[in-house]
Amino acid sequence: VQLQASGGGLVQAGGSLRLSCAASGKIFSLNDMGWYRQAPGKQRELVAGTTSYGNTNYADSVKGRFTISRDNAKNTVYLQMNSLKPEDTAVYYCNADQWITGHRYDYWGQGTQVTVSS
């Protein structure tokens, strides 16, 4: 399974961006999907996640500003980012997993750079 992320870029503080991540390949049924980010010198952290049932969770730092959604028919997860702040600057990675015959397979996208200028 391959994850292709897109939508990153340079934006001024207060602006918005929408990230997309499409999964392709041997997909039976994707389970959890989510977005992580990693800023220079920091560990990768969960930004937002969504289950196959549509339940969502967010990092406290993005609650009220970011919205995660998914289109199961398209095997795609989105991240709408509003009111962006310079501290949101990071490489954003999408993640998905699925279970096949009792084994959990974890997949990562290539990362997309988000830069927020002050």
Protein backbone atom coordinates (compact mmCIF):
# COMPACT_ATOMS: atom_id res chain seq x y z
CA VAL A 1 0.00 0.00 0.00
CA GLN A 2 1.27 3.45 -0.91
CA LEU A 3 0.19 6.75 0.63
CA GLN A 4 0.54 9.89 -1.46
CA ALA A 5 0.27 13.14 0.47
CA SER A 6 -0.24 16.54 -1.11
CA GLY A 7 -1.35 20.06 -0.27
CA GLY A 8 1.54 21.43 1.74
CA GLY A 9 3.09 24.79 1.08
CA LEU A 10 3.96 28.22 2.41
CA VAL A 11 1.24 30.28 4.05
CA GLN A 12 1.09 33.34 6.27
CA ALA A 13 -0.01 33.09 9.87
CA GLY A 14 -3.77 33.00 10.07
CA GLY A 15 -4.08 31.33 6.71
CA SER A 16 -5.39 27.91 5.73
CA LEU A 17 -4.18 24.81 3.96
CA ARG A 18 -5.81 21.50 3.13
CA LEU A 19 -3.76 18.35 3.06
CA SER A 20 -4.84 15.23 1.22
CA CYS A 21 -3.51 11.70 1.41
CA ALA A 22 -4.65 9.01 -0.99
CA ALA A 23 -3.95 5.34 -0.40
CA SER A 24 -3.48 2.90 -3.25
CA GLY A 25 -2.38 -0.68 -3.75
CA LYS A 26 -3.53 -3.84 -1.97
CA ILE A 27 -6.23 -2.31 0.19
CA PHE A 28 -8.78 -4.53 1.88
CA SER A 29 -10.12 -2.19 4.52
CA LEU A 30 -8.16 0.65 6.04
CA ASN A 31 -8.57 0.95 9.77
CA ASP A 32 -7.23 4.09 11.44
CA MET A 33 -5.95 6.97 9.34
CA GLY A 34 -4.20 10.03 10.61
CA TRP A 35 -1.75 12.85 10.28
CA TYR A 36 1.51 13.29 12.16
CA ARG A 37 4.02 16.07 11.99
CA GLN A 38 7.68 16.52 12.76
CA ALA A 39 9.32 19.88 13.25
CA PRO A 40 13.12 20.29 13.09
CA GLY A 41 14.74 18.95 16.25
CA LYS A 42 11.49 17.55 17.58
CA GLN A 43 9.90 14.14 17.70
CA ARG A 44 7.11 13.15 15.39
CA GLU A 45 3.75 13.79 17.00
CA LEU A 46 0.17 12.88 16.28
CA VAL A 47 -1.83 15.80 14.93
CA ALA A 48 -5.18 14.15 14.25
CA GLY A 49 -6.60 10.69 13.73
CA THR A 50 -9.79 9.10 12.54
CA THR A 51 -11.13 5.59 12.80
CA SER A 52 -12.98 3.69 10.11
CA TYR A 53 -16.19 4.55 12.00
CA GLY A 54 -15.47 8.27 11.79
CA ASN A 55 -14.36 8.88 15.36
CA THR A 56 -11.72 11.57 15.57
CA ASN A 57 -9.07 12.77 17.98
CA TYR A 58 -6.79 15.79 17.94
CA ALA A 59 -3.68 17.08 19.59
CA ASP A 60 -4.56 19.79 22.07
CA SER A 61 -2.48 22.29 20.12
CA VAL A 62 -4.71 22.01 17.04
CA LYS A 63 -8.17 21.53 18.55
CA GLY A 64 -10.62 24.01 17.12
CA ARG A 65 -8.33 24.88 14.20
CA PHE A 66 -7.77 21.60 12.34
CA THR A 67 -10.36 19.16 11.05
CA ILE A 68 -9.64 15.63 9.89
CA SER A 69 -11.98 13.80 7.54
CA ARG A 70 -11.89 10.76 5.32
CA ASP A 71 -13.54 9.38 2.23
CA ASN A 72 -13.58 5.61 2.60
CA ALA A 73 -14.71 5.10 -0.98
CA LYS A 74 -11.59 6.91 -2.17
CA ASN A 75 -9.29 5.63 0.60
CA THR A 76 -8.35 9.24 1.23
CA VAL A 77 -7.86 11.24 4.40
CA TYR A 78 -7.87 15.02 4.58
CA LEU A 79 -6.63 17.60 7.05
CA GLN A 80 -8.18 21.06 6.89
CA MET A 81 -5.90 23.46 8.72
CA ASN A 82 -7.23 26.90 9.61
CA SER A 83 -5.81 29.76 11.66
CA LEU A 84 -2.33 28.45 11.07
CA LYS A 85 0.46 29.52 13.38
CA PRO A 86 4.24 29.58 12.88
CA GLU A 87 4.52 26.73 15.36
CA ASP A 88 2.52 24.54 12.97
CA THR A 89 5.52 24.56 10.66
CA ALA A 90 6.62 20.97 10.14
CA VAL A 91 6.72 18.08 7.73
CA TYR A 92 3.31 16.44 7.83
CA TYR A 93 3.02 12.69 7.34
CA CYS A 94 -0.10 10.67 6.73
CA ASN A 95 -0.50 7.25 8.25
CA ALA A 96 -2.89 4.36 7.81
CA ASP A 97 -3.14 0.79 8.93
CA GLN A 98 -5.08 -2.32 8.09
CA TRP A 99 -5.43 -5.82 9.45
CA ILE A 100 -4.86 -8.76 7.12
CA THR A 101 -5.24 -12.32 8.41
CA GLY A 102 -4.49 -11.27 11.97
CA HIS A 103 -1.51 -9.07 11.16
CA ARG A 104 -1.49 -5.30 11.45
CA TYR A 105 0.20 -3.45 8.61
CA ASP A 106 1.23 0.18 9.13
CA TYR A 107 1.82 2.56 6.23
CA TRP A 108 3.35 6.04 5.96
CA GLY A 109 3.25 8.70 3.30
CA GLN A 110 6.32 10.55 2.08
CA GLY A 111 5.63 13.75 3.99
CA THR A 112 4.61 17.19 2.83
CA GLN A 113 6.17 20.41 4.09
CA VAL A 114 3.97 23.03 5.75
CA THR A 115 5.62 26.37 6.45
CA VAL A 116 3.77 29.15 8.26
CA SER A 117 5.39 32.57 8.18
CA SER A 118 4.78 35.17 10.87
